[in-house]
Amino acid sequence: SAAGFTPSVKIFKVVGMFRSGMFEYDS
């Protein structure tokens, strides 16, 4: 745009959480 690059931003609703047991994935 005239002001420069504008990233795409979307709003999401948290509908669930998971725990795999692997910190790298869970975080």
mmCIF file of all heavy atoms, coordinates in Angstrom:
data_MODEL
# 
_entry.id   MODEL 
# 
loop_
_atom_site.group_PDB 
_atom_site.id 
_atom_site.type_symbol 
_atom_site.label_atom_id 
_atom_site.label_alt_id 
_atom_site.label_comp_id 
_atom_site.label_asym_id 
_atom_site.label_entity_id 
_atom_site.label_seq_id 
_atom_site.pdbx_PDB_ins_code 
_atom_site.Cartn_x 
_atom_site.Cartn_y 
_atom_site.Cartn_z 
_atom_site.occupancy 
_atom_site.B_iso_or_equiv 
_atom_site.pdbx_formal_charge 
_atom_site.auth_seq_id 
_atom_site.auth_comp_id 
_atom_site.auth_asym_id 
_atom_site.auth_atom_id 
_atom_site.pdbx_PDB_model_num 
ATOM 1   N N   . SER A 1 1  ? 0.848   -1.184  0.000  1.00 0.00 ? 1  SER A N   1 
ATOM 2   C CA  . SER A 1 1  ? 0.000   0.000   0.000  1.00 0.00 ? 1  SER A CA  1 
ATOM 3   C C   . SER A 1 1  ? 0.886   1.238   0.000  1.00 0.00 ? 1  SER A C   1 
ATOM 4   O O   . SER A 1 1  ? 2.122   1.139   -0.016 1.00 0.00 ? 1  SER A O   1 
ATOM 5   C CB  . SER A 1 1  ? -0.928  -0.008  1.226  1.00 0.00 ? 1  SER A CB  1 
ATOM 6   O OG  . SER A 1 1  ? -0.162  0.086   2.414  1.00 0.00 ? 1  SER A OG  1 
ATOM 7   N N   . ALA A 1 2  ? 0.253   2.387   0.038  1.00 0.00 ? 2  ALA A N   1 
ATOM 8   C CA  . ALA A 1 2  ? 1.030   3.630   0.056  1.00 0.00 ? 2  ALA A CA  1 
ATOM 9   C C   . ALA A 1 2  ? 1.885   3.723   1.309  1.00 0.00 ? 2  ALA A C   1 
ATOM 10  O O   . ALA A 1 2  ? 2.956   4.356   1.313  1.00 0.00 ? 2  ALA A O   1 
ATOM 11  C CB  . ALA A 1 2  ? 0.085   4.828   -0.034 1.00 0.00 ? 2  ALA A CB  1 
ATOM 12  N N   . ALA A 1 3  ? 1.444   3.092   2.383  1.00 0.00 ? 3  ALA A N   1 
ATOM 13  C CA  . ALA A 1 3  ? 2.191   3.132   3.638  1.00 0.00 ? 3  ALA A CA  1 
ATOM 14  C C   . ALA A 1 3  ? 3.267   2.046   3.708  1.00 0.00 ? 3  ALA A C   1 
ATOM 15  O O   . ALA A 1 3  ? 4.006   1.962   4.674  1.00 0.00 ? 3  ALA A O   1 
ATOM 16  C CB  . ALA A 1 3  ? 1.242   2.983   4.815  1.00 0.00 ? 3  ALA A CB  1 
ATOM 17  N N   . GLY A 1 4  ? 3.321   1.190   2.677  1.00 0.00 ? 4  GLY A N   1 
ATOM 18  C CA  . GLY A 1 4  ? 4.297   0.107   2.671  1.00 0.00 ? 4  GLY A CA  1 
ATOM 19  C C   . GLY A 1 4  ? 3.621   -1.249  2.702  1.00 0.00 ? 4  GLY A C   1 
ATOM 20  O O   . GLY A 1 4  ? 2.412   -1.373  2.390  1.00 0.00 ? 4  GLY A O   1 
ATOM 21  N N   . PHE A 1 5  ? 4.362   -2.264  3.092  1.00 0.00 ? 5  PHE A N   1 
ATOM 22  C CA  . PHE A 1 5  ? 3.826   -3.627  3.120  1.00 0.00 ? 5  PHE A CA  1 
ATOM 23  C C   . PHE A 1 5  ? 2.939   -3.828  4.346  1.00 0.00 ? 5  PHE A C   1 
ATOM 24  O O   . PHE A 1 5  ? 3.328   -3.511  5.462  1.00 0.00 ? 5  PHE A O   1 
ATOM 25  C CB  . PHE A 1 5  ? 4.979   -4.632  3.145  1.00 0.00 ? 5  PHE A CB  1 
ATOM 26  C CG  . PHE A 1 5  ? 4.523   -6.063  3.214  1.00 0.00 ? 5  PHE A CG  1 
ATOM 27  C CD1 . PHE A 1 5  ? 4.059   -6.719  2.090  1.00 0.00 ? 5  PHE A CD1 1 
ATOM 28  C CD2 . PHE A 1 5  ? 4.545   -6.752  4.419  1.00 0.00 ? 5  PHE A CD2 1 
ATOM 29  C CE1 . PHE A 1 5  ? 3.648   -8.037  2.155  1.00 0.00 ? 5  PHE A CE1 1 
ATOM 30  C CE2 . PHE A 1 5  ? 4.135   -8.064  4.500  1.00 0.00 ? 5  PHE A CE2 1 
ATOM 31  C CZ  . PHE A 1 5  ? 3.679   -8.704  3.360  1.00 0.00 ? 5  PHE A CZ  1 
ATOM 32  N N   . THR A 1 6  ? 1.728   -4.349  4.094  1.00 0.00 ? 6  THR A N   1 
ATOM 33  C CA  . THR A 1 6  ? 0.778   -4.620  5.172  1.00 0.00 ? 6  THR A CA  1 
ATOM 34  C C   . THR A 1 6  ? 0.565   -6.124  5.274  1.00 0.00 ? 6  THR A C   1 
ATOM 35  O O   . THR A 1 6  ? 0.042   -6.736  4.335  1.00 0.00 ? 6  THR A O   1 
ATOM 36  C CB  . THR A 1 6  ? -0.570  -3.928  4.917  1.00 0.00 ? 6  THR A CB  1 
ATOM 37  O OG1 . THR A 1 6  ? -0.351  -2.524  4.746  1.00 0.00 ? 6  THR A OG1 1 
ATOM 38  C CG2 . THR A 1 6  ? -1.521  -4.175  6.074  1.00 0.00 ? 6  THR A CG2 1 
ATOM 39  N N   . PRO A 1 7  ? 0.978   -6.759  6.391  1.00 0.00 ? 7  PRO A N   1 
ATOM 40  C CA  . PRO A 1 7  ? 0.799   -8.205  6.511  1.00 0.00 ? 7  PRO A CA  1 
ATOM 41  C C   . PRO A 1 7  ? -0.675  -8.574  6.678  1.00 0.00 ? 7  PRO A C   1 
ATOM 42  O O   . PRO A 1 7  ? -1.496  -7.752  7.076  1.00 0.00 ? 7  PRO A O   1 
ATOM 43  C CB  . PRO A 1 7  ? 1.595   -8.556  7.763  1.00 0.00 ? 7  PRO A CB  1 
ATOM 44  C CG  . PRO A 1 7  ? 1.613   -7.304  8.566  1.00 0.00 ? 7  PRO A CG  1 
ATOM 45  C CD  . PRO A 1 7  ? 1.628   -6.174  7.571  1.00 0.00 ? 7  PRO A CD  1 
ATOM 46  N N   . SER A 1 8  ? -0.967  -9.842  6.377  1.00 0.00 ? 8  SER A N   1 
ATOM 47  C CA  . SER A 1 8  ? -2.329  -10.350 6.528  1.00 0.00 ? 8  SER A CA  1 
ATOM 48  C C   . SER A 1 8  ? -2.556  -10.766 7.978  1.00 0.00 ? 8  SER A C   1 
ATOM 49  O O   . SER A 1 8  ? -1.775  -11.541 8.536  1.00 0.00 ? 8  SER A O   1 
ATOM 50  C CB  . SER A 1 8  ? -2.542  -11.544 5.591  1.00 0.00 ? 8  SER A CB  1 
ATOM 51  O OG  . SER A 1 8  ? -3.803  -12.143 5.804  1.00 0.00 ? 8  SER A OG  1 
ATOM 52  N N   . VAL A 1 9  ? -3.602  -10.235 8.598  1.00 0.00 ? 9  VAL A N   1 
ATOM 53  C CA  . VAL A 1 9  ? -3.926  -10.535 9.992  1.00 0.00 ? 9  VAL A CA  1 
ATOM 54  C C   . VAL A 1 9  ? -5.358  -11.053 10.066 1.00 0.00 ? 9  VAL A C   1 
ATOM 55  O O   . VAL A 1 9  ? -6.276  -10.426 9.530  1.00 0.00 ? 9  VAL A O   1 
ATOM 56  C CB  . VAL A 1 9  ? -3.760  -9.306  10.903 1.00 0.00 ? 9  VAL A CB  1 
ATOM 57  C CG1 . VAL A 1 9  ? -4.117  -9.658  12.345 1.00 0.00 ? 9  VAL A CG1 1 
ATOM 58  C CG2 . VAL A 1 9  ? -2.334  -8.762  10.833 1.00 0.00 ? 9  VAL A CG2 1 
ATOM 59  N N   . LYS A 1 10 ? -5.555  -12.199 10.716 1.00 0.00 ? 10 LYS A N   1 
ATOM 60  C CA  . LYS A 1 10 ? -6.880  -12.797 10.871 1.00 0.00 ? 10 LYS A CA  1 
ATOM 61  C C   . LYS A 1 10 ? -7.122  -13.116 12.346 1.00 0.00 ? 10 LYS A C   1 
ATOM 62  O O   . LYS A 1 10 ? -6.191  -13.413 13.096 1.00 0.00 ? 10 LYS A O   1 
ATOM 63  C CB  . LYS A 1 10 ? -7.010  -14.081 10.045 1.00 0.00 ? 10 LYS A CB  1 
ATOM 64  C CG  . LYS A 1 10 ? -6.775  -13.895 8.542  1.00 0.00 ? 10 LYS A CG  1 
ATOM 65  C CD  . LYS A 1 10 ? -7.872  -13.071 7.895  1.00 0.00 ? 10 LYS A CD  1 
ATOM 66  C CE  . LYS A 1 10 ? -7.628  -12.939 6.399  1.00 0.00 ? 10 LYS A CE  1 
ATOM 67  N NZ  . LYS A 1 10 ? -8.661  -12.096 5.743  1.00 0.00 ? 10 LYS A NZ  1 
ATOM 68  N N   . ILE A 1 11 ? -8.380  -13.060 12.752 1.00 0.00 ? 11 ILE A N   1 
ATOM 69  C CA  . ILE A 1 11 ? -8.779  -13.379 14.118 1.00 0.00 ? 11 ILE A CA  1 
ATOM 70  C C   . ILE A 1 11 ? -9.327  -14.808 14.151 1.00 0.00 ? 11 ILE A C   1 
ATOM 71  O O   . ILE A 1 11 ? -10.152 -15.192 13.320 1.00 0.00 ? 11 ILE A O   1 
ATOM 72  C CB  . ILE A 1 11 ? -9.844  -12.395 14.643 1.00 0.00 ? 11 ILE A CB  1 
ATOM 73  C CG1 . ILE A 1 11 ? -9.363  -10.949 14.479 1.00 0.00 ? 11 ILE A CG1 1 
ATOM 74  C CG2 . ILE A 1 11 ? -10.152 -12.685 16.108 1.00 0.00 ? 11 ILE A CG2 1 
ATOM 75  C CD1 . ILE A 1 11 ? -8.117  -10.619 15.252 1.00 0.00 ? 11 ILE A CD1 1 
ATOM 76  N N   . PHE A 1 12 ? -8.879  -15.601 15.134 1.00 0.00 ? 12 PHE A N   1 
ATOM 77  C CA  . PHE A 1 12 ? -9.325  -16.986 15.289 1.00 0.00 ? 12 PHE A CA  1 
ATOM 78  C C   . PHE A 1 12 ? -9.834  -17.195 16.719 1.00 0.00 ? 12 PHE A C   1 
ATOM 79  O O   . PHE A 1 12 ? -9.387  -16.521 17.659 1.00 0.00 ? 12 PHE A O   1 
ATOM 80  C CB  . PHE A 1 12 ? -8.183  -17.973 15.028 1.00 0.00 ? 12 PHE A CB  1 
ATOM 81  C CG  . PHE A 1 12 ? -7.770  -18.071 13.585 1.00 0.00 ? 12 PHE A CG  1 
ATOM 82  C CD1 . PHE A 1 12 ? -6.932  -17.120 13.020 1.00 0.00 ? 12 PHE A CD1 1 
ATOM 83  C CD2 . PHE A 1 12 ? -8.226  -19.106 12.791 1.00 0.00 ? 12 PHE A CD2 1 
ATOM 84  C CE1 . PHE A 1 12 ? -6.545  -17.208 11.706 1.00 0.00 ? 12 PHE A CE1 1 
ATOM 85  C CE2 . PHE A 1 12 ? -7.841  -19.209 11.466 1.00 0.00 ? 12 PHE A CE2 1 
ATOM 86  C CZ  . PHE A 1 12 ? -6.992  -18.247 10.921 1.00 0.00 ? 12 PHE A CZ  1 
ATOM 87  N N   . LYS A 1 13 ? -10.738 -18.154 16.851 1.00 0.00 ? 13 LYS A N   1 
ATOM 88  C CA  . LYS A 1 13 ? -11.257 -18.526 18.156 1.00 0.00 ? 13 LYS A CA  1 
ATOM 89  C C   . LYS A 1 13 ? -10.629 -19.844 18.591 1.00 0.00 ? 13 LYS A C   1 
ATOM 90  O O   . LYS A 1 13 ? -10.603 -20.818 17.829 1.00 0.00 ? 13 LYS A O   1 
ATOM 91  C CB  . LYS A 1 13 ? -12.777 -18.680 18.114 1.00 0.00 ? 13 LYS A CB  1 
ATOM 92  C CG  . LYS A 1 13 ? -13.388 -19.021 19.474 1.00 0.00 ? 13 LYS A CG  1 
ATOM 93  C CD  . LYS A 1 13 ? -14.909 -19.089 19.384 1.00 0.00 ? 13 LYS A CD  1 
ATOM 94  C CE  . LYS A 1 13 ? -15.523 -19.394 20.754 1.00 0.00 ? 13 LYS A CE  1 
ATOM 95  N NZ  . LYS A 1 13 ? -17.006 -19.456 20.693 1.00 0.00 ? 13 LYS A NZ  1 
ATOM 96  N N   . VAL A 1 14 ? -10.099 -19.878 19.805 1.00 0.00 ? 14 VAL A N   1 
ATOM 97  C CA  . VAL A 1 14 ? -9.484  -21.103 20.334 1.00 0.00 ? 14 VAL A CA  1 
ATOM 98  C C   . VAL A 1 14 ? -10.594 -22.111 20.639 1.00 0.00 ? 14 VAL A C   1 
ATOM 99  O O   . VAL A 1 14 ? -11.455 -21.863 21.489 1.00 0.00 ? 14 VAL A O   1 
ATOM 100 C CB  . VAL A 1 14 ? -8.663  -20.811 21.602 1.00 0.00 ? 14 VAL A CB  1 
ATOM 101 C CG1 . VAL A 1 14 ? -8.052  -22.105 22.144 1.00 0.00 ? 14 VAL A CG1 1 
ATOM 102 C CG2 . VAL A 1 14 ? -7.566  -19.785 21.311 1.00 0.00 ? 14 VAL A CG2 1 
ATOM 103 N N   . VAL A 1 15 ? -10.571 -23.240 19.920 1.00 0.00 ? 15 VAL A N   1 
ATOM 104 C CA  . VAL A 1 15 ? -11.623 -24.253 20.093 1.00 0.00 ? 15 VAL A CA  1 
ATOM 105 C C   . VAL A 1 15 ? -11.101 -25.533 20.730 1.00 0.00 ? 15 VAL A C   1 
ATOM 106 O O   . VAL A 1 15 ? -11.875 -26.449 21.016 1.00 0.00 ? 15 VAL A O   1 
ATOM 107 C CB  . VAL A 1 15 ? -12.283 -24.590 18.735 1.00 0.00 ? 15 VAL A CB  1 
ATOM 108 C CG1 . VAL A 1 15 ? -12.988 -23.366 18.159 1.00 0.00 ? 15 VAL A CG1 1 
ATOM 109 C CG2 . VAL A 1 15 ? -11.253 -25.140 17.748 1.00 0.00 ? 15 VAL A CG2 1 
ATOM 110 N N   . GLY A 1 16 ? -9.799  -25.619 20.963 1.00 0.00 ? 16 GLY A N   1 
ATOM 111 C CA  . GLY A 1 16 ? -9.263  -26.833 21.567 1.00 0.00 ? 16 GLY A CA  1 
ATOM 112 C C   . GLY A 1 16 ? -7.783  -26.703 21.872 1.00 0.00 ? 16 GLY A C   1 
ATOM 113 O O   . GLY A 1 16 ? -7.097  -25.800 21.398 1.00 0.00 ? 16 GLY A O   1 
ATOM 114 N N   . MET A 1 17 ? -7.296  -27.632 22.710 1.00 0.00 ? 17 MET A N   1 
ATOM 115 C CA  . MET A 1 17 ? -5.884  -27.707 23.050 1.00 0.00 ? 17 MET A CA  1 
ATOM 116 C C   . MET A 1 17 ? -5.467  -29.171 23.081 1.00 0.00 ? 17 MET A C   1 
ATOM 117 O O   . MET A 1 17 ? -6.272  -30.044 23.398 1.00 0.00 ? 17 MET A O   1 
ATOM 118 C CB  . MET A 1 17 ? -5.612  -27.054 24.413 1.00 0.00 ? 17 MET A CB  1 
ATOM 119 C CG  . MET A 1 17 ? -5.758  -25.535 24.424 1.00 0.00 ? 17 MET A CG  1 
ATOM 120 S SD  . MET A 1 17 ? -5.403  -24.807 26.043 1.00 0.00 ? 17 MET A SD  1 
ATOM 121 C CE  . MET A 1 17 ? -6.889  -25.266 26.938 1.00 0.00 ? 17 MET A CE  1 
ATOM 122 N N   . PHE A 1 18 ? -4.206  -29.428 22.744 1.00 0.00 ? 18 PHE A N   1 
ATOM 123 C CA  . PHE A 1 18 ? -3.692  -30.793 22.751 1.00 0.00 ? 18 PHE A CA  1 
ATOM 124 C C   . PHE A 1 18 ? -2.377  -30.845 23.526 1.00 0.00 ? 18 PHE A C   1 
ATOM 125 O O   . PHE A 1 18 ? -1.699  -29.830 23.707 1.00 0.00 ? 18 PHE A O   1 
ATOM 126 C CB  . PHE A 1 18 ? -3.464  -31.305 21.321 1.00 0.00 ? 18 PHE A CB  1 
ATOM 127 C CG  . PHE A 1 18 ? -2.333  -30.621 20.598 1.00 0.00 ? 18 PHE A CG  1 
ATOM 128 C CD1 . PHE A 1 18 ? -1.035  -31.110 20.652 1.00 0.00 ? 18 PHE A CD1 1 
ATOM 129 C CD2 . PHE A 1 18 ? -2.562  -29.477 19.850 1.00 0.00 ? 18 PHE A CD2 1 
ATOM 130 C CE1 . PHE A 1 18 ? 0.008   -30.480 19.988 1.00 0.00 ? 18 PHE A CE1 1 
ATOM 131 C CE2 . PHE A 1 18 ? -1.528  -28.833 19.177 1.00 0.00 ? 18 PHE A CE2 1 
ATOM 132 C CZ  . PHE A 1 18 ? -0.240  -29.335 19.245 1.00 0.00 ? 18 PHE A CZ  1 
ATOM 133 N N   . ARG A 1 19 ? -2.047  -32.040 23.995 1.00 0.00 ? 19 ARG A N   1 
ATOM 134 C CA  . ARG A 1 19 ? -0.777  -32.272 24.673 1.00 0.00 ? 19 ARG A CA  1 
ATOM 135 C C   . ARG A 1 19 ? -0.184  -33.561 24.117 1.00 0.00 ? 19 ARG A C   1 
ATOM 136 O O   . ARG A 1 19 ? -0.680  -34.654 24.371 1.00 0.00 ? 19 ARG A O   1 
ATOM 137 C CB  . ARG A 1 19 ? -0.964  -32.374 26.179 1.00 0.00 ? 19 ARG A CB  1 
ATOM 138 C CG  . ARG A 1 19 ? 0.347   -32.692 26.923 1.00 0.00 ? 19 ARG A CG  1 
ATOM 139 C CD  . ARG A 1 19 ? 0.137   -32.729 28.418 1.00 0.00 ? 19 ARG A CD  1 
ATOM 140 N NE  . ARG A 1 19 ? -0.252  -31.412 28.920 1.00 0.00 ? 19 ARG A NE  1 
ATOM 141 C CZ  . ARG A 1 19 ? -0.792  -31.213 30.125 1.00 0.00 ? 19 ARG A CZ  1 
ATOM 142 N NH1 . ARG A 1 19 ? -1.000  -32.242 30.919 1.00 0.00 ? 19 ARG A NH1 1 
ATOM 143 N NH2 . ARG A 1 19 ? -1.124  -30.006 30.511 1.00 0.00 ? 19 ARG A NH2 1 
ATOM 144 N N   . SER A 1 20 ? 0.907   -33.429 23.364 1.00 0.00 ? 20 SER A N   1 
ATOM 145 C CA  . SER A 1 20 ? 1.538   -34.583 22.732 1.00 0.00 ? 20 SER A CA  1 
ATOM 146 C C   . SER A 1 20 ? 2.541   -35.263 23.652 1.00 0.00 ? 20 SER A C   1 
ATOM 147 O O   . SER A 1 20 ? 2.897   -36.420 23.437 1.00 0.00 ? 20 SER A O   1 
ATOM 148 C CB  . SER A 1 20 ? 2.250   -34.143 21.450 1.00 0.00 ? 20 SER A CB  1 
ATOM 149 O OG  . SER A 1 20 ? 3.339   -33.289 21.750 1.00 0.00 ? 20 SER A OG  1 
ATOM 150 N N   . GLY A 1 21 ? 3.045   -34.536 24.649 1.00 0.00 ? 21 GLY A N   1 
ATOM 151 C CA  . GLY A 1 21 ? 4.112   -35.057 25.486 1.00 0.00 ? 21 GLY A CA  1 
ATOM 152 C C   . GLY A 1 21 ? 5.479   -34.619 25.025 1.00 0.00 ? 21 GLY A C   1 
ATOM 153 O O   . GLY A 1 21 ? 6.478   -34.853 25.701 1.00 0.00 ? 21 GLY A O   1 
ATOM 154 N N   . MET A 1 22 ? 5.548   -33.971 23.851 1.00 0.00 ? 22 MET A N   1 
ATOM 155 C CA  . MET A 1 22 ? 6.798   -33.406 23.348 1.00 0.00 ? 22 MET A CA  1 
ATOM 156 C C   . MET A 1 22 ? 6.714   -31.889 23.466 1.00 0.00 ? 22 MET A C   1 
ATOM 157 O O   . MET A 1 22 ? 5.861   -31.247 22.844 1.00 0.00 ? 22 MET A O   1 
ATOM 158 C CB  . MET A 1 22 ? 7.044   -33.817 21.893 1.00 0.00 ? 22 MET A CB  1 
ATOM 159 C CG  . MET A 1 22 ? 7.368   -35.284 21.726 1.00 0.00 ? 22 MET A CG  1 
ATOM 160 S SD  . MET A 1 22 ? 7.915   -35.698 20.056 1.00 0.00 ? 22 MET A SD  1 
ATOM 161 C CE  . MET A 1 22 ? 9.487   -34.857 19.972 1.00 0.00 ? 22 MET A CE  1 
ATOM 162 N N   . PHE A 1 23 ? 7.585   -31.321 24.281 1.00 0.00 ? 23 PHE A N   1 
ATOM 163 C CA  . PHE A 1 23 ? 7.544   -29.891 24.565 1.00 0.00 ? 23 PHE A CA  1 
ATOM 164 C C   . PHE A 1 23 ? 7.666   -29.057 23.299 1.00 0.00 ? 23 PHE A C   1 
ATOM 165 O O   . PHE A 1 23 ? 7.007   -28.023 23.158 1.00 0.00 ? 23 PHE A O   1 
ATOM 166 C CB  . PHE A 1 23 ? 8.670   -29.530 25.537 1.00 0.00 ? 23 PHE A CB  1 
ATOM 167 C CG  . PHE A 1 23 ? 8.659   -28.097 25.975 1.00 0.00 ? 23 PHE A CG  1 
ATOM 168 C CD1 . PHE A 1 23 ? 7.787   -27.666 26.961 1.00 0.00 ? 23 PHE A CD1 1 
ATOM 169 C CD2 . PHE A 1 23 ? 9.510   -27.172 25.381 1.00 0.00 ? 23 PHE A CD2 1 
ATOM 170 C CE1 . PHE A 1 23 ? 7.769   -26.335 27.357 1.00 0.00 ? 23 PHE A CE1 1 
ATOM 171 C CE2 . PHE A 1 23 ? 9.501   -25.847 25.774 1.00 0.00 ? 23 PHE A CE2 1 
ATOM 172 C CZ  . PHE A 1 23 ? 8.629   -25.423 26.764 1.00 0.00 ? 23 PHE A CZ  1 
ATOM 173 N N   . GLU A 1 24 ? 8.485   -29.507 22.358 1.00 0.00 ? 24 GLU A N   1 
ATOM 174 C CA  . GLU A 1 24 ? 8.687   -28.750 21.122 1.00 0.00 ? 24 GLU A CA  1 
ATOM 175 C C   . GLU A 1 24 ? 7.389   -28.605 20.342 1.00 0.00 ? 24 GLU A C   1 
ATOM 176 O O   . GLU A 1 24 ? 7.104   -27.539 19.789 1.00 0.00 ? 24 GLU A O   1 
ATOM 177 C CB  . GLU A 1 24 ? 9.741   -29.444 20.264 1.00 0.00 ? 24 GLU A CB  1 
ATOM 178 C CG  . GLU A 1 24 ? 10.052  -28.713 18.963 1.00 0.00 ? 24 GLU A CG  1 
ATOM 179 C CD  . GLU A 1 24 ? 11.098  -29.429 18.145 1.00 0.00 ? 24 GLU A CD  1 
ATOM 180 O OE1 . GLU A 1 24 ? 11.645  -30.447 18.623 1.00 0.00 ? 24 GLU A OE1 1 
ATOM 181 O OE2 . GLU A 1 24 ? 11.366  -28.973 17.025 1.00 0.00 ? 24 GLU A OE2 1 
ATOM 182 N N   . TYR A 1 25 ? 6.603   -29.675 20.282 1.00 0.00 ? 25 TYR A N   1 
ATOM 183 C CA  . TYR A 1 25 ? 5.323   -29.616 19.577 1.00 0.00 ? 25 TYR A CA  1 
ATOM 184 C C   . TYR A 1 25 ? 4.287   -28.822 20.374 1.00 0.00 ? 25 TYR A C   1 
ATOM 185 O O   . TYR A 1 25 ? 3.569   -27.990 19.825 1.00 0.00 ? 25 TYR A O   1 
ATOM 186 C CB  . TYR A 1 25 ? 4.793   -31.034 19.315 1.00 0.00 ? 25 TYR A CB  1 
ATOM 187 C CG  . TYR A 1 25 ? 5.552   -31.802 18.265 1.00 0.00 ? 25 TYR A CG  1 
ATOM 188 C CD1 . TYR A 1 25 ? 5.335   -33.161 18.090 1.00 0.00 ? 25 TYR A CD1 1 
ATOM 189 C CD2 . TYR A 1 25 ? 6.498   -31.185 17.455 1.00 0.00 ? 25 TYR A CD2 1 
ATOM 190 C CE1 . TYR A 1 25 ? 6.032   -33.880 17.124 1.00 0.00 ? 25 TYR A CE1 1 
ATOM 191 C CE2 . TYR A 1 25 ? 7.190   -31.889 16.502 1.00 0.00 ? 25 TYR A CE2 1 
ATOM 192 C CZ  . TYR A 1 25 ? 6.957   -33.236 16.334 1.00 0.00 ? 25 TYR A CZ  1 
ATOM 193 O OH  . TYR A 1 25 ? 7.638   -33.944 15.384 1.00 0.00 ? 25 TYR A OH  1 
ATOM 194 N N   . ASP A 1 26 ? 4.206   -29.108 21.678 1.00 0.00 ? 26 ASP A N   1 
ATOM 195 C CA  . ASP A 1 26 ? 3.181   -28.474 22.502 1.00 0.00 ? 26 ASP A CA  1 
ATOM 196 C C   . ASP A 1 26 ? 3.380   -26.968 22.631 1.00 0.00 ? 26 ASP A C   1 
ATOM 197 O O   . ASP A 1 26 ? 2.433   -26.246 22.959 1.00 0.00 ? 26 ASP A O   1 
ATOM 198 C CB  . ASP A 1 26 ? 3.169   -29.100 23.902 1.00 0.00 ? 26 ASP A CB  1 
ATOM 199 C CG  . ASP A 1 26 ? 2.746   -30.561 23.873 1.00 0.00 ? 26 ASP A CG  1 
ATOM 200 O OD1 . ASP A 1 26 ? 2.135   -30.967 22.880 1.00 0.00 ? 26 ASP A OD1 1 
ATOM 201 O OD2 . ASP A 1 26 ? 3.050   -31.287 24.824 1.00 0.00 ? 26 ASP A OD2 1 
ATOM 202 N N   . SER A 1 27 ? 4.577   -26.481 22.402 1.00 0.00 ? 27 SER A N   1 
ATOM 203 C CA  . SER A 1 27 ? 4.857   -25.056 22.578 1.00 0.00 ? 27 SER A CA  1 
ATOM 204 C C   . SER A 1 27 ? 4.931   -24.276 21.275 1.00 0.00 ? 27 SER A C   1 
ATOM 205 O O   . SER A 1 27 ? 5.125   -23.060 21.300 1.00 0.00 ? 27 SER A O   1 
ATOM 206 C CB  . SER A 1 27 ? 6.180   -24.875 23.332 1.00 0.00 ? 27 SER A CB  1 
ATOM 207 O OG  . SER A 1 27 ? 7.255   -25.419 22.586 1.00 0.00 ? 27 SER A OG  1 
# 
